[in-house]
Amino acid sequence: MHLLIVEGTHIEAELRRKFGTSHTYDFCPAAAPDLRTRLSAADVGFDLRPWPELHYEQPRQPLFYDTSRASLAALFHKEEPPFGPVFGVCAFPTLLDREVLETSLYRLEDAALLASTCATLGTAYCAVQDQVGLVTPRMVCVLINEACYALQEGSTSVQSLNITLQLGPAHPRGPFEWANQIGVARVFETLEALWQDTHEERYKACALLKTMYLRGSQFELQPL
């Protein structure tokens, strides 16, 4: 397959590892003047812009949109529905290159097309409910947020908490290392979107995390 990925250079290595060398890849800037031409040559599109717009070109091939911060229902609210099948996917760094692709459906009748598309891409998949944050991004962002609350209370340090929450629950990395790799802005924006969508207290972003987002800063970690 030929994959068109719009604004996906932040996860280029993960995409190539995830889907392998049997496919060809076109990483396209959103402002590319030949975007439409490059889309027409693709078998499947990944539009990873904060507000994806490939459906305006009325393509018929499958499109994957990053629904970590907005559901497909929200993206297409009061919009003309796309001709082709549209799927949600988590495009956060560290959360894409996994054995099972976490994805969602805009139209339930496209379930068979999702299965065939993932089979051609060479990946197992799991269809989850179309909601902000899908499943894994939501859980990871909540973990990071809770770690920020603990840090804000002054009961521990960045380094010790990062190690404790990595080794204790056997997570692949500590919460602050994870936040840095995903991007503090993406974590905060996901929590903010979840809070606006549900108003559940567990999604209310910690003031420390919000300040770091506003300052564009990262957590300072010492090498082990």
C-alpha atoms as a PDB file:
ATOM      1  CA  MET A   1       0.000   0.000   0.000  1.00  0.00           C
ATOM      2  CA  HIS A   2       0.986   3.624  -0.476  1.00  0.00           C
ATOM      3  CA  LEU A   3       0.395   5.643   2.704  1.00  0.00           C
ATOM      4  CA  LEU A   4      -0.071   9.409   2.724  1.00  0.00           C
ATOM      5  CA  ILE A   5       0.639  10.903   6.145  1.00  0.00           C
ATOM      6  CA  VAL A   6      -0.189  14.582   6.598  1.00  0.00           C
ATOM      7  CA  GLU A   7       1.784  16.323   9.383  1.00  0.00           C
ATOM      8  CA  GLY A   8       3.090  13.028  10.746  1.00  0.00           C
ATOM      9  CA  THR A   9       6.831  13.558  10.933  1.00  0.00           C
ATOM     10  CA  HIS A  10       6.671  13.442  14.770  1.00  0.00           C
ATOM     11  CA  ILE A  11       5.850   9.722  14.553  1.00  0.00           C
ATOM     12  CA  GLU A  12       7.524   8.856  11.241  1.00  0.00           C
ATOM     13  CA  ALA A  13       9.831   6.261  12.789  1.00  0.00           C
ATOM     14  CA  GLU A  14       6.936   4.635  14.654  1.00  0.00           C
ATOM     15  CA  LEU A  15       4.757   4.489  11.549  1.00  0.00           C
ATOM     16  CA  ARG A  16       7.518   2.846   9.562  1.00  0.00           C
ATOM     17  CA  ARG A  17       8.162   0.306  12.328  1.00  0.00           C
ATOM     18  CA  LYS A  18       4.457  -0.330  12.838  1.00  0.00           C
ATOM     19  CA  PHE A  19       3.515  -1.024   9.237  1.00  0.00           C
ATOM     20  CA  GLY A  20       6.882  -2.182   7.918  1.00  0.00           C
ATOM     21  CA  THR A  21       8.877  -1.939   4.731  1.00  0.00           C
ATOM     22  CA  SER A  22       6.372  -3.610   2.415  1.00  0.00           C
ATOM     23  CA  HIS A  23       4.515  -0.273   2.127  1.00  0.00           C
ATOM     24  CA  THR A  24       5.583   3.070   0.685  1.00  0.00           C
ATOM     25  CA  TYR A  25       5.247   6.297   2.662  1.00  0.00           C
ATOM     26  CA  ASP A  26       4.632   9.926   1.748  1.00  0.00           C
ATOM     27  CA  PHE A  27       5.034  12.335   4.681  1.00  0.00           C
ATOM     28  CA  CYS A  28       3.302  15.457   3.459  1.00  0.00           C
ATOM     29  CA  PRO A  29       3.216  18.952   5.013  1.00  0.00           C
ATOM     30  CA  ALA A  30      -0.279  20.371   5.403  1.00  0.00           C
ATOM     31  CA  ALA A  31       0.681  23.369   3.275  1.00  0.00           C
ATOM     32  CA  ALA A  32       2.049  21.319   0.375  1.00  0.00           C
ATOM     33  CA  PRO A  33       0.633  22.802  -2.875  1.00  0.00           C
ATOM     34  CA  ASP A  34       0.349  19.321  -4.405  1.00  0.00           C
ATOM     35  CA  LEU A  35      -1.494  17.769  -1.457  1.00  0.00           C
ATOM     36  CA  ARG A  36      -4.479  16.812  -3.603  1.00  0.00           C
ATOM     37  CA  THR A  37      -2.272  15.117  -6.194  1.00  0.00           C
ATOM     38  CA  ARG A  38      -0.391  13.208  -3.513  1.00  0.00           C
ATOM     39  CA  LEU A  39      -3.678  12.149  -1.927  1.00  0.00           C
ATOM     40  CA  SER A  40      -4.959  10.772  -5.226  1.00  0.00           C
ATOM     41  CA  ALA A  41      -1.903   8.520  -5.440  1.00  0.00           C
ATOM     42  CA  ALA A  42      -2.419   7.073  -1.952  1.00  0.00           C
ATOM     43  CA  ASP A  43      -4.201   3.868  -0.977  1.00  0.00           C
ATOM     44  CA  VAL A  44      -4.867   5.125   2.550  1.00  0.00           C
ATOM     45  CA  GLY A  45      -4.475   8.494   4.248  1.00  0.00           C
ATOM     46  CA  PHE A  46      -3.465   9.500   7.772  1.00  0.00           C
ATOM     47  CA  ASP A  47      -4.404  13.108   8.525  1.00  0.00           C
ATOM     48  CA  LEU A  48      -2.687  13.975  11.798  1.00  0.00           C
ATOM     49  CA  ARG A  49      -3.390  17.700  11.901  1.00  0.00           C
ATOM     50  CA  PRO A  50      -5.142  19.023  15.040  1.00  0.00           C
ATOM     51  CA  TRP A  51      -8.170  19.684  12.836  1.00  0.00           C
ATOM     52  CA  PRO A  52      -7.908  17.222   9.918  1.00  0.00           C
ATOM     53  CA  GLU A  53      -9.284  18.348   6.589  1.00  0.00           C
ATOM     54  CA  LEU A  54      -8.560  15.633   4.015  1.00  0.00           C
ATOM     55  CA  HIS A  55     -12.251  14.776   3.781  1.00  0.00           C
ATOM     56  CA  TYR A  56     -12.843  18.145   2.085  1.00  0.00           C
ATOM     57  CA  GLU A  57     -11.072  16.675  -0.944  1.00  0.00           C
ATOM     58  CA  GLN A  58     -13.806  13.987  -1.075  1.00  0.00           C
ATOM     59  CA  PRO A  59     -11.455  10.998  -1.304  1.00  0.00           C
ATOM     60  CA  ARG A  60     -12.859   7.496  -1.478  1.00  0.00           C
ATOM     61  CA  GLN A  61      -9.901   5.691   0.075  1.00  0.00           C
ATOM     62  CA  PRO A  62      -9.820   5.025   3.849  1.00  0.00           C
ATOM     63  CA  LEU A  63      -8.763   7.928   6.073  1.00  0.00           C
ATOM     64  CA  PHE A  64      -7.341   7.660   9.594  1.00  0.00           C
ATOM     65  CA  TYR A  65      -7.680  10.706  11.835  1.00  0.00           C
ATOM     66  CA  ASP A  66      -6.011  11.285  15.201  1.00  0.00           C
ATOM     67  CA  THR A  67      -8.911  11.182  17.669  1.00  0.00           C
ATOM     68  CA  SER A  68      -6.868  11.505  20.841  1.00  0.00           C
ATOM     69  CA  ARG A  69      -8.163  15.056  21.364  1.00  0.00           C
ATOM     70  CA  ALA A  70     -11.464  15.023  19.422  1.00  0.00           C
ATOM     71  CA  SER A  71     -13.885  12.251  18.529  1.00  0.00           C
ATOM     72  CA  LEU A  72     -14.891  11.539  14.948  1.00  0.00           C
ATOM     73  CA  ALA A  73     -18.428  12.584  15.860  1.00  0.00           C
ATOM     74  CA  ALA A  74     -17.105  15.991  16.933  1.00  0.00           C
ATOM     75  CA  LEU A  75     -14.887  16.357  13.863  1.00  0.00           C
ATOM     76  CA  PHE A  76     -17.783  15.740  11.500  1.00  0.00           C
ATOM     77  CA  HIS A  77     -20.489  17.553  13.438  1.00  0.00           C
ATOM     78  CA  LYS A  78     -22.460  19.655  10.920  1.00  0.00           C
ATOM     79  CA  GLU A  79     -20.005  18.588   8.193  1.00  0.00           C
ATOM     80  CA  GLU A  80     -20.714  16.764   4.972  1.00  0.00           C
ATOM     81  CA  PRO A  81     -19.945  13.095   5.653  1.00  0.00           C
ATOM     82  CA  PRO A  82     -16.914  11.770   3.770  1.00  0.00           C
ATOM     83  CA  PHE A  83     -17.358   9.499   0.777  1.00  0.00           C
ATOM     84  CA  GLY A  84     -14.911   6.883   1.963  1.00  0.00           C
ATOM     85  CA  PRO A  85     -14.500   5.122   5.306  1.00  0.00           C
ATOM     86  CA  VAL A  86     -13.110   7.189   8.191  1.00  0.00           C
ATOM     87  CA  PHE A  87     -11.408   5.742  11.249  1.00  0.00           C
ATOM     88  CA  GLY A  88      -9.989   7.172  14.448  1.00  0.00           C
ATOM     89  CA  VAL A  89      -6.518   6.283  15.687  1.00  0.00           C
ATOM     90  CA  CYS A  90      -4.116   7.290  18.434  1.00  0.00           C
ATOM     91  CA  ALA A  91      -1.168   9.120  16.860  1.00  0.00           C
ATOM     92  CA  PHE A  92       0.718  10.001  20.042  1.00  0.00           C
ATOM     93  CA  PRO A  93       4.419   9.169  20.146  1.00  0.00           C
ATOM     94  CA  THR A  94       5.020   5.850  22.010  1.00  0.00           C
ATOM     95  CA  LEU A  95       1.369   4.794  21.606  1.00  0.00           C
ATOM     96  CA  LEU A  96       1.218   3.898  17.914  1.00  0.00           C
ATOM     97  CA  ASP A  97       3.914   1.267  17.481  1.00  0.00           C
ATOM     98  CA  ARG A  98       2.165  -1.510  19.381  1.00  0.00           C
ATOM     99  CA  GLU A  99       1.050  -4.981  18.360  1.00  0.00           C
ATOM    100  CA  VAL A 100      -2.619  -4.006  18.239  1.00  0.00           C
ATOM    101  CA  LEU A 101      -3.752  -0.804  16.506  1.00  0.00           C
ATOM    102  CA  GLU A 102      -6.318   1.024  18.639  1.00  0.00           C
ATOM    103  CA  THR A 103      -8.928   2.538  16.355  1.00  0.00           C
ATOM    104  CA  SER A 104     -12.547   3.685  16.178  1.00  0.00           C
ATOM    105  CA  LEU A 105     -15.321   3.872  13.591  1.00  0.00           C
ATOM    106  CA  TYR A 106     -17.316   6.848  12.359  1.00  0.00           C
ATOM    107  CA  ARG A 107     -19.882   4.598  10.667  1.00  0.00           C
ATOM    108  CA  LEU A 108     -20.538   1.135  12.062  1.00  0.00           C
ATOM    109  CA  GLU A 109     -21.225  -0.148   8.557  1.00  0.00           C
ATOM    110  CA  ASP A 110     -17.538   0.415   7.758  1.00  0.00           C
ATOM    111  CA  ALA A 111     -16.441  -2.325  10.177  1.00  0.00           C
ATOM    112  CA  ALA A 112     -15.667  -4.763   7.355  1.00  0.00           C
ATOM    113  CA  LEU A 113     -13.613  -2.090   5.562  1.00  0.00           C
ATOM    114  CA  LEU A 114     -11.663  -1.448   8.755  1.00  0.00           C
ATOM    115  CA  ALA A 115     -10.875  -5.150   9.015  1.00  0.00           C
ATOM    116  CA  SER A 116      -9.709  -5.382   5.405  1.00  0.00           C
ATOM    117  CA  THR A 117      -7.685  -2.160   5.632  1.00  0.00           C
ATOM    118  CA  CYS A 118      -5.864  -3.314   8.768  1.00  0.00           C
ATOM    119  CA  ALA A 119      -5.252  -6.719   7.194  1.00  0.00           C
ATOM    120  CA  THR A 120      -3.632  -5.045   4.191  1.00  0.00           C
ATOM    121  CA  LEU A 121      -1.615  -2.781   6.479  1.00  0.00           C
ATOM    122  CA  GLY A 122      -0.462  -5.925   8.260  1.00  0.00           C
ATOM    123  CA  THR A 123      -1.663  -5.119  11.754  1.00  0.00           C
ATOM    124  CA  ALA A 124      -4.009  -6.559  14.317  1.00  0.00           C
ATOM    125  CA  TYR A 125      -6.520  -4.001  15.538  1.00  0.00           C
ATOM    126  CA  CYS A 126      -9.063  -3.322  18.247  1.00  0.00           C
ATOM    127  CA  ALA A 127     -12.123  -1.165  17.554  1.00  0.00           C
ATOM    128  CA  VAL A 128     -13.045   0.979  20.562  1.00  0.00           C
ATOM    129  CA  GLN A 129     -15.815   3.484  21.176  1.00  0.00           C
ATOM    130  CA  ASP A 130     -15.609   6.758  19.274  1.00  0.00           C
ATOM    131  CA  GLN A 131     -14.779   9.125  22.113  1.00  0.00           C
ATOM    132  CA  VAL A 132     -12.166  11.696  23.028  1.00  0.00           C
ATOM    133  CA  GLY A 133      -8.939  10.020  24.081  1.00  0.00           C
ATOM    134  CA  LEU A 134      -9.943   6.565  22.832  1.00  0.00           C
ATOM    135  CA  VAL A 135      -8.799   4.182  25.632  1.00  0.00           C
ATOM    136  CA  THR A 136      -5.019   4.046  25.983  1.00  0.00           C
ATOM    137  CA  PRO A 137      -4.289   7.791  25.536  1.00  0.00           C
ATOM    138  CA  ARG A 138      -6.950   8.582  28.124  1.00  0.00           C
ATOM    139  CA  MET A 139      -5.473   6.154  30.667  1.00  0.00           C
ATOM    140  CA  VAL A 140      -1.887   7.304  30.091  1.00  0.00           C
ATOM    141  CA  CYS A 141      -2.811  10.998  30.375  1.00  0.00           C
ATOM    142  CA  VAL A 142      -4.685  10.351  33.641  1.00  0.00           C
ATOM    143  CA  LEU A 143      -1.627   8.533  35.014  1.00  0.00           C
ATOM    144  CA  ILE A 144       0.599  11.484  34.109  1.00  0.00           C
ATOM    145  CA  ASN A 145      -1.900  13.943  35.596  1.00  0.00           C
ATOM    146  CA  GLU A 146      -2.068  12.038  38.899  1.00  0.00           C
ATOM    147  CA  ALA A 147       1.730  11.993  39.056  1.00  0.00           C
ATOM    148  CA  CYS A 148       1.694  15.763  38.557  1.00  0.00           C
ATOM    149  CA  TYR A 149      -0.698  16.181  41.493  1.00  0.00           C
ATOM    150  CA  ALA A 150       1.642  14.106  43.690  1.00  0.00           C
ATOM    151  CA  LEU A 151       4.591  16.216  42.563  1.00  0.00           C
ATOM    152  CA  GLN A 152       2.663  19.444  43.140  1.00  0.00           C
ATOM    153  CA  GLU A 153       1.954  18.408  46.737  1.00  0.00           C
ATOM    154  CA  GLY A 154       5.706  18.304  47.322  1.00  0.00           C
ATOM    155  CA  SER A 155       5.716  14.772  48.698  1.00  0.00           C
ATOM    156  CA  THR A 156       8.363  13.493  46.301  1.00  0.00           C
ATOM    157  CA  SER A 157      10.723  14.445  43.468  1.00  0.00           C
ATOM    158  CA  VAL A 158      10.372  14.104  39.707  1.00  0.00           C
ATOM    159  CA  GLN A 159      13.091  11.458  39.572  1.00  0.00           C
ATOM    160  CA  SER A 160      11.912   9.266  42.448  1.00  0.00           C
ATOM    161  CA  LEU A 161       8.258   9.382  41.414  1.00  0.00           C
ATOM    162  CA  ASN A 162       9.149   8.625  37.819  1.00  0.00           C
ATOM    163  CA  ILE A 163      11.123   5.529  38.861  1.00  0.00           C
ATOM    164  CA  THR A 164       8.547   4.371  41.438  1.00  0.00           C
ATOM    165  CA  LEU A 165       5.628   4.531  39.013  1.00  0.00           C
ATOM    166  CA  GLN A 166       7.635   2.795  36.326  1.00  0.00           C
ATOM    167  CA  LEU A 167       8.901  -0.130  38.371  1.00  0.00           C
ATOM    168  CA  GLY A 168       5.956  -0.582  40.738  1.00  0.00           C
ATOM    169  CA  PRO A 169       3.094  -1.092  38.233  1.00  0.00           C
ATOM    170  CA  ALA A 170       5.604  -2.344  35.604  1.00  0.00           C
ATOM    171  CA  HIS A 171       4.831   0.461  33.146  1.00  0.00           C
ATOM    172  CA  PRO A 172       7.169   0.649  30.137  1.00  0.00           C
ATOM    173  CA  ARG A 173       8.338   4.085  31.319  1.00  0.00           C
ATOM    174  CA  GLY A 174       7.731   6.502  34.160  1.00  0.00           C
ATOM    175  CA  PRO A 175       4.941   9.116  33.911  1.00  0.00           C
ATOM    176  CA  PHE A 176       7.219  12.112  33.461  1.00  0.00           C
ATOM    177  CA  GLU A 177       9.404  10.380  30.896  1.00  0.00           C
ATOM    178  CA  TRP A 178       6.182   9.391  29.128  1.00  0.00           C
ATOM    179  CA  ALA A 179       4.908  12.964  29.222  1.00  0.00           C
ATOM    180  CA  ASN A 180       8.127  14.232  27.665  1.00  0.00           C
ATOM    181  CA  GLN A 181       8.025  11.628  24.896  1.00  0.00           C
ATOM    182  CA  ILE A 182       4.346  12.165  24.098  1.00  0.00           C
ATOM    183  CA  GLY A 183       4.686  15.913  24.516  1.00  0.00           C
ATOM    184  CA  VAL A 184       3.429  17.885  27.514  1.00  0.00           C
ATOM    185  CA  ALA A 185       1.177  19.927  25.212  1.00  0.00           C
ATOM    186  CA  ARG A 186      -0.520  16.803  23.831  1.00  0.00           C
ATOM    187  CA  VAL A 187      -1.088  15.442  27.337  1.00  0.00           C
ATOM    188  CA  PHE A 188      -2.597  18.705  28.584  1.00  0.00           C
ATOM    189  CA  GLU A 189      -4.749  19.210  25.484  1.00  0.00           C
ATOM    190  CA  THR A 190      -6.109  15.660  25.748  1.00  0.00           C
ATOM    191  CA  LEU A 191      -7.021  16.139  29.403  1.00  0.00           C
ATOM    192  CA  GLU A 192      -8.613  19.493  28.613  1.00  0.00           C
ATOM    193  CA  ALA A 193     -10.679  17.911  25.828  1.00  0.00           C
ATOM    194  CA  LEU A 194     -11.737  15.074  28.154  1.00  0.00           C
ATOM    195  CA  TRP A 195     -12.675  17.573  30.878  1.00  0.00           C
ATOM    196  CA  GLN A 196     -14.779  19.630  28.461  1.00  0.00           C
ATOM    197  CA  ASP A 197     -16.434  16.466  27.159  1.00  0.00           C
ATOM    198  CA  THR A 198     -17.235  14.783  30.490  1.00  0.00           C
ATOM    199  CA  HIS A 199     -16.552  17.203  33.390  1.00  0.00           C
ATOM    200  CA  GLU A 200     -15.243  14.244  35.381  1.00  0.00           C
ATOM    201  CA  GLU A 201     -12.790  15.333  38.076  1.00  0.00           C
ATOM    202  CA  ARG A 202     -10.182  12.733  37.106  1.00  0.00           C
ATOM    203  CA  TYR A 203      -9.666  14.601  33.816  1.00  0.00           C
ATOM    204  CA  LYS A 204      -9.177  18.039  35.381  1.00  0.00           C
ATOM    205  CA  ALA A 205      -5.608  18.995  34.516  1.00  0.00           C
ATOM    206  CA  CYS A 206      -3.241  19.638  37.404  1.00  0.00           C
ATOM    207  CA  ALA A 207      -2.172  23.282  37.727  1.00  0.00           C
ATOM    208  CA  LEU A 208       1.467  22.203  37.515  1.00  0.00           C
ATOM    209  CA  LEU A 209       0.836  20.455  34.200  1.00  0.00           C
ATOM    210  CA  LYS A 210      -1.072  23.459  32.871  1.00  0.00           C
ATOM    211  CA  THR A 211       1.778  25.802  33.801  1.00  0.00           C
ATOM    212  CA  MET A 212       4.290  23.577  32.031  1.00  0.00           C
ATOM    213  CA  TYR A 213       2.036  23.534  28.975  1.00  0.00           C
ATOM    214  CA  LEU A 214       1.773  27.319  28.949  1.00  0.00           C
ATOM    215  CA  ARG A 215       5.535  27.696  29.312  1.00  0.00           C
ATOM    216  CA  GLY A 216       6.321  25.031  26.728  1.00  0.00           C
ATOM    217  CA  SER A 217       8.537  23.192  29.200  1.00  0.00           C
ATOM    218  CA  GLN A 218       9.352  19.546  29.889  1.00  0.00           C
ATOM    219  CA  PHE A 219      10.104  17.523  33.013  1.00  0.00           C
ATOM    220  CA  GLU A 220      13.774  17.505  33.979  1.00  0.00           C
ATOM    221  CA  LEU A 221      14.903  13.899  34.372  1.00  0.00           C
ATOM    222  CA  GLN A 222      18.279  12.561  35.392  1.00  0.00           C
ATOM    223  CA  PRO A 223      19.646   9.541  33.512  1.00  0.00           C
ATOM    224  CA  LEU A 224      19.437   6.292  35.468  1.00  0.00           C
END
